[in-house]
Protein backbone atom coordinates (compact mmCIF):
# COMPACT_ATOMS: atom_id res chain seq x y z
CA UNK A 1 -2.12 -90.44 -132.57
CA UNK A 2 -1.97 -93.12 -130.04
CA UNK A 3 -3.00 -93.89 -126.53
CA UNK A 4 -1.07 -95.99 -123.83
CA UNK A 5 -2.16 -98.73 -121.67
CA UNK A 6 0.27 -99.97 -118.84
CA UNK A 7 -0.06 -103.01 -116.57
CA UNK A 8 1.84 -103.49 -113.51
CA UNK A 9 1.98 -105.78 -110.60
CA UNK A 10 2.90 -103.52 -107.81
CA UNK A 11 3.15 -106.19 -105.10
CA UNK A 12 1.66 -104.14 -102.83
CA UNK A 13 0.16 -100.46 -103.70
CA UNK A 14 0.63 -99.01 -100.35
CA UNK A 15 4.33 -99.66 -100.29
CA UNK A 16 4.74 -98.40 -104.16
CA UNK A 17 3.08 -95.35 -103.45
CA UNK A 18 5.54 -94.44 -100.58
CA UNK A 19 8.28 -95.06 -103.55
CA UNK A 20 8.31 -94.09 -106.84
CA UNK A 21 4.54 -94.30 -108.14
CA UNK A 22 3.99 -90.49 -108.50
CA UNK A 23 7.20 -90.01 -110.58
CA UNK A 24 6.56 -93.07 -112.72
CA UNK A 25 2.99 -91.69 -113.53
CA UNK A 26 4.64 -88.50 -114.31
CA UNK A 27 7.07 -89.83 -116.46
CA UNK A 28 5.09 -92.14 -118.53
CA UNK A 29 1.63 -90.51 -118.40
CA UNK A 30 -0.55 -93.78 -119.28
CA UNK A 31 -4.09 -93.10 -120.27
CA UNK A 32 -5.08 -96.36 -118.46
CA UNK A 33 -3.26 -97.86 -115.88
CA UNK A 34 -3.91 -101.50 -114.87
CA UNK A 35 -2.67 -102.66 -111.17
CA UNK A 36 -2.33 -106.21 -109.89
CA UNK A 37 -1.67 -107.43 -106.40
CA UNK A 38 -2.36 -104.17 -104.95
CA UNK A 39 -3.31 -105.67 -101.34
CA UNK A 40 -5.89 -103.18 -100.38
CA UNK A 41 -9.10 -101.65 -100.69
CA UNK A 42 -10.19 -98.57 -102.67
CA UNK A 43 -10.93 -96.75 -99.39
CA UNK A 44 -7.42 -96.93 -98.56
CA UNK A 45 -5.92 -95.38 -101.74
CA UNK A 46 -5.68 -91.66 -101.99
CA UNK A 47 -7.59 -90.00 -104.75
CA UNK A 48 -5.03 -89.23 -107.82
CA UNK A 49 -6.01 -86.22 -109.89
CA UNK A 50 -4.04 -87.57 -112.94
CA UNK A 51 -6.97 -89.83 -113.43
CA UNK A 52 -10.78 -89.22 -113.88
CA UNK A 53 -11.80 -92.77 -112.84
CA UNK A 54 -10.47 -95.18 -110.20
CA UNK A 55 -11.87 -98.68 -109.90
CA UNK A 56 -10.82 -101.33 -107.26
CA UNK A 57 -11.53 -105.03 -106.99
CA UNK A 58 -10.20 -106.42 -103.64
CA UNK A 59 -10.23 -109.89 -102.18
CA UNK A 60 -13.29 -110.71 -99.87
CA UNK A 61 -11.47 -113.70 -98.42
CA UNK A 62 -8.13 -112.30 -97.20
CA UNK A 63 -7.36 -108.62 -96.15
CA UNK A 64 -4.35 -107.43 -97.61
CA UNK A 65 -4.35 -110.25 -100.29
CA UNK A 66 -4.36 -110.31 -104.20
CA UNK A 67 -6.57 -107.34 -105.63
CA UNK A 68 -6.75 -105.33 -108.90
CA UNK A 69 -7.24 -101.80 -109.91
CA UNK A 70 -7.81 -99.74 -112.98
CA UNK A 71 -6.89 -95.97 -113.08
CA UNK A 72 -8.19 -94.37 -116.42
CA UNK A 73 -8.34 -91.03 -118.10
CA UNK A 74 -10.80 -92.28 -120.66
CA UNK A 75 -14.43 -92.94 -119.77
CA UNK A 76 -15.58 -96.50 -119.77
CA UNK A 77 -19.20 -97.46 -120.98
CA UNK A 78 -19.34 -100.02 -118.43
CA UNK A 79 -16.73 -101.58 -115.39
CA UNK A 80 -17.43 -104.92 -113.63
CA UNK A 81 -15.68 -106.53 -110.97
CA UNK A 82 -15.51 -110.35 -111.86
CA UNK A 83 -14.81 -113.42 -109.78
CA UNK A 84 -15.00 -116.61 -112.18
CA UNK A 85 -14.82 -118.78 -109.11
CA UNK A 86 -17.46 -117.65 -106.71
CA UNK A 87 -16.06 -119.95 -103.87
CA UNK A 88 -12.70 -117.87 -103.96
CA UNK A 89 -13.67 -114.17 -104.27
CA UNK A 90 -9.93 -112.87 -104.44
CA UNK A 91 -10.63 -109.54 -106.47
CA UNK A 92 -8.63 -110.95 -109.40
CA UNK A 93 -10.26 -109.39 -112.52
CA UNK A 94 -11.62 -105.94 -113.54
CA UNK A 95 -13.59 -105.65 -116.77
CA UNK A 96 -13.84 -102.29 -118.51
CA UNK A 97 -16.04 -101.92 -121.58
CA UNK A 98 -15.26 -99.51 -124.43
CA UNK A 99 -17.17 -98.76 -127.72
CA UNK A 100 -14.80 -101.03 -129.68
CA UNK A 101 -13.29 -103.49 -127.21
CA UNK A 102 -13.22 -104.73 -123.70
CA UNK A 103 -10.04 -104.35 -121.35
CA UNK A 104 -9.44 -107.26 -118.85
CA UNK A 105 -6.97 -106.70 -115.95
CA UNK A 106 -6.25 -109.97 -114.29
CA UNK A 107 -4.06 -111.31 -111.74
CA UNK A 108 -3.86 -115.23 -112.27
CA UNK A 109 -3.61 -117.34 -109.08
CA UNK A 110 0.02 -118.51 -108.37
CA UNK A 111 0.42 -122.34 -108.12
CA UNK A 112 2.72 -121.94 -105.07
CA UNK A 113 6.11 -123.37 -104.49
CA UNK A 114 4.74 -126.94 -103.67
CA UNK A 115 2.61 -126.77 -106.49
CA UNK A 116 -0.59 -127.26 -104.12
CA UNK A 117 -2.61 -124.90 -106.02
CA UNK A 118 -1.63 -126.11 -109.40
CA UNK A 119 -4.99 -128.14 -110.00
CA UNK A 120 -7.13 -125.55 -108.92
CA UNK A 121 -5.14 -123.00 -111.10
CA UNK A 122 -5.18 -125.15 -114.19
CA UNK A 123 -8.64 -127.08 -113.96
CA UNK A 124 -10.76 -124.85 -112.16
CA UNK A 125 -9.75 -121.00 -112.59
CA UNK A 126 -8.12 -120.67 -115.88
CA UNK A 127 -10.80 -122.81 -117.87
CA UNK A 128 -13.49 -120.42 -115.89
CA UNK A 129 -11.74 -117.49 -116.81
CA UNK A 130 -11.31 -118.49 -120.60
CA UNK A 131 -14.91 -119.37 -120.57
CA UNK A 132 -15.71 -115.84 -119.38
CA UNK A 133 -13.39 -113.92 -121.82
CA UNK A 134 -14.27 -116.09 -124.70
CA UNK A 135 -17.91 -115.18 -124.44
CA UNK A 136 -16.92 -111.55 -124.19
CA UNK A 137 -15.11 -111.99 -127.49
CA UNK A 138 -18.02 -113.01 -129.37
CA UNK A 139 -19.51 -109.36 -129.27
CA UNK A 140 -16.14 -107.29 -129.07
CA UNK A 141 -12.62 -107.83 -129.61
CA UNK A 142 -10.35 -108.08 -126.34
CA UNK A 143 -7.26 -106.83 -124.58
CA UNK A 144 -6.21 -108.61 -121.65
CA UNK A 145 -3.43 -107.31 -119.46
CA UNK A 146 -1.99 -108.52 -116.29
CA UNK A 147 0.18 -111.03 -113.85
CA UNK A 148 -0.56 -114.67 -115.72
CA UNK A 149 2.02 -116.24 -113.29
CA UNK A 150 3.49 -118.32 -116.24
CA UNK A 151 6.60 -118.31 -118.57
CA UNK A 152 4.93 -119.43 -121.49
CA UNK A 153 8.05 -120.65 -123.55
CA UNK A 154 11.67 -121.63 -122.66
CA UNK A 155 12.63 -118.08 -124.16
CA UNK A 156 10.63 -116.52 -121.57
CA UNK A 157 12.80 -117.25 -118.35
CA UNK A 158 16.38 -117.62 -117.50
CA UNK A 159 17.63 -121.30 -117.19
CA UNK A 160 14.34 -123.04 -118.19
CA UNK A 161 16.07 -126.70 -117.72
CA UNK A 162 16.10 -126.07 -114.07
CA UNK A 163 12.31 -125.09 -113.61
CA UNK A 164 10.35 -127.53 -115.46
CA UNK A 165 8.69 -128.62 -112.38
CA UNK A 166 8.37 -125.41 -110.82
CA UNK A 167 5.45 -122.91 -110.39
CA UNK A 168 5.16 -120.88 -113.58
CA UNK A 169 6.82 -123.23 -115.93
CA UNK A 170 5.01 -126.55 -115.45
CA UNK A 171 3.54 -128.32 -118.47
CA UNK A 172 0.18 -128.03 -117.05
CA UNK A 173 0.38 -124.13 -116.73
CA UNK A 174 1.93 -123.64 -120.29
CA UNK A 175 -0.54 -125.84 -121.64
CA UNK A 176 -3.33 -123.74 -120.08
CA UNK A 177 -1.85 -120.53 -121.66
CA UNK A 178 -1.72 -122.39 -125.19
CA UNK A 179 -5.45 -122.77 -124.63
CA UNK A 180 -5.99 -118.93 -123.94
CA UNK A 181 -4.16 -118.30 -127.44
CA UNK A 182 -6.02 -120.84 -129.17
CA UNK A 183 -9.38 -119.09 -129.01
CA UNK A 184 -7.95 -116.37 -131.01
CA UNK A 185 -5.61 -114.02 -128.73
CA UNK A 186 -2.13 -113.17 -129.62
CA UNK A 187 0.85 -112.60 -127.08
CA UNK A 188 1.66 -108.85 -128.51
CA UNK A 189 5.06 -108.87 -127.08
CA UNK A 190 6.15 -112.15 -128.39
CA UNK A 191 4.18 -111.49 -131.71
CA UNK A 192 6.39 -108.56 -132.22
CA UNK A 193 9.58 -109.83 -130.86
CA UNK A 194 9.62 -113.56 -131.60
CA UNK A 195 13.24 -114.29 -130.94
CA UNK A 196 14.21 -111.47 -128.52
CA UNK A 197 15.87 -113.02 -125.57
CA UNK A 198 16.49 -112.02 -121.88
CA UNK A 199 13.35 -110.00 -121.92
CA UNK A 200 11.86 -110.55 -118.37
CA UNK A 201 9.22 -108.91 -116.24
CA UNK A 202 9.84 -110.71 -112.81
CA UNK A 203 12.95 -111.06 -110.72
CA UNK A 204 13.11 -112.79 -107.29
CA UNK A 205 14.27 -110.53 -104.50
CA UNK A 206 17.01 -113.10 -103.66
CA UNK A 207 20.42 -113.27 -104.96
CA UNK A 208 20.58 -109.85 -106.58
CA UNK A 209 18.26 -111.62 -109.48
CA UNK A 210 17.27 -108.30 -111.05
CA UNK A 211 20.69 -106.82 -110.99
CA UNK A 212 21.92 -110.06 -112.75
CA UNK A 213 18.56 -110.30 -115.19
CA UNK A 214 17.93 -113.81 -113.88
CA UNK A 215 14.05 -113.31 -114.53
CA UNK A 216 11.13 -114.73 -115.97
CA UNK A 217 8.32 -112.87 -118.20
CA UNK A 218 5.18 -113.45 -116.55
CA UNK A 219 3.08 -110.38 -117.46
CA UNK A 220 1.50 -109.96 -120.70
CA UNK A 221 -0.57 -108.10 -123.16
CA UNK A 222 -2.84 -110.17 -124.90
CA UNK A 223 -5.19 -109.10 -127.67
CA UNK A 224 -7.67 -110.42 -130.08
CA UNK A 225 -6.30 -110.85 -133.57
CA UNK A 226 -8.45 -108.08 -135.12
CA UNK A 227 -6.65 -105.50 -132.95
CA UNK A 228 -3.21 -106.33 -134.00
CA UNK A 229 -3.41 -103.60 -136.74
CA UNK A 230 -3.79 -100.94 -134.13
CA UNK A 231 -0.86 -101.93 -132.16
CA UNK A 232 2.18 -99.51 -132.33
CA UNK A 233 4.38 -100.83 -129.55
CA UNK A 234 4.49 -103.27 -126.63
CA UNK A 235 7.43 -102.80 -124.29
CA UNK A 236 8.70 -103.61 -120.88
CA UNK A 237 9.79 -101.05 -118.89
CA UNK A 238 12.46 -102.98 -116.97
CA UNK A 239 14.17 -99.76 -115.37
CA UNK A 240 11.07 -98.99 -113.37
CA UNK A 241 11.50 -100.13 -109.80
CA UNK A 242 9.46 -100.35 -106.79
CA UNK A 243 8.05 -103.90 -107.39
CA UNK A 244 9.66 -107.38 -108.05
CA UNK A 245 7.61 -106.86 -111.22
CA UNK A 246 8.44 -104.60 -113.99
CA UNK A 247 5.40 -102.76 -115.70
CA UNK A 248 4.47 -103.51 -119.44
CA UNK A 249 3.26 -100.64 -121.84
CA UNK A 250 1.16 -101.27 -124.89
CA UNK A 251 0.82 -98.50 -127.20
CA UNK A 252 -2.12 -98.32 -129.69
CA UNK A 253 -3.58 -96.09 -132.39
CA UNK A 254 -6.29 -93.92 -130.93
CA UNK A 255 -8.55 -94.53 -133.78
CA UNK A 256 -9.73 -97.70 -131.75
CA UNK A 257 -11.30 -95.47 -129.28
CA UNK A 258 -13.73 -93.68 -131.82
């Protein structure tokens, strides 16, 4: 038996709820659904009978900005809303504890078109996040999912030579992601498919990029090394519409829950 986790940057949950959200849930039936860039407060979201537990973390700085949510059919031991940078409480991390692992749902800051937020992202936010999750990892293995706003390797975006100095593919962002992996985490999709090309999770709304599959792989499942033996599959649900991101799915042996 197995259980399924799905991670999806919905780019505004309100809009997706009016689109294909409920058919998506019915079709894929995730045990745990992690959402990023929800852009709303829990009080705005209707109750969903499919899930026993619903948790939201929203931006305290800007209404309708950022935000994460977890919808779960599995009872956690604990749930925490985390702001690794107290000066910018933007609702970017939800932490859920289970018997044998921690699950972190994360929406990493975008460095922005002019790279104006690159120093903040790579020198403040990423190191603080890494310090937080590495401390957790000393007690239990980790599953981290979400939008990391970086294409880690050249294989993870179309035309990498054109984007070397663009947000999401700078040397600084990629090195910071390297640092995440250096503390014992594994990019599960790339571990399972080391040479598989044209596998993307985000496409610009401009120039029919999704139709032409001109995209970037920005969304990830990272796990501690010790959890790899429980992994069955890790897939990109590229045919699910409703956002400029595609959901990603991780299927694990359910013995991990016991």
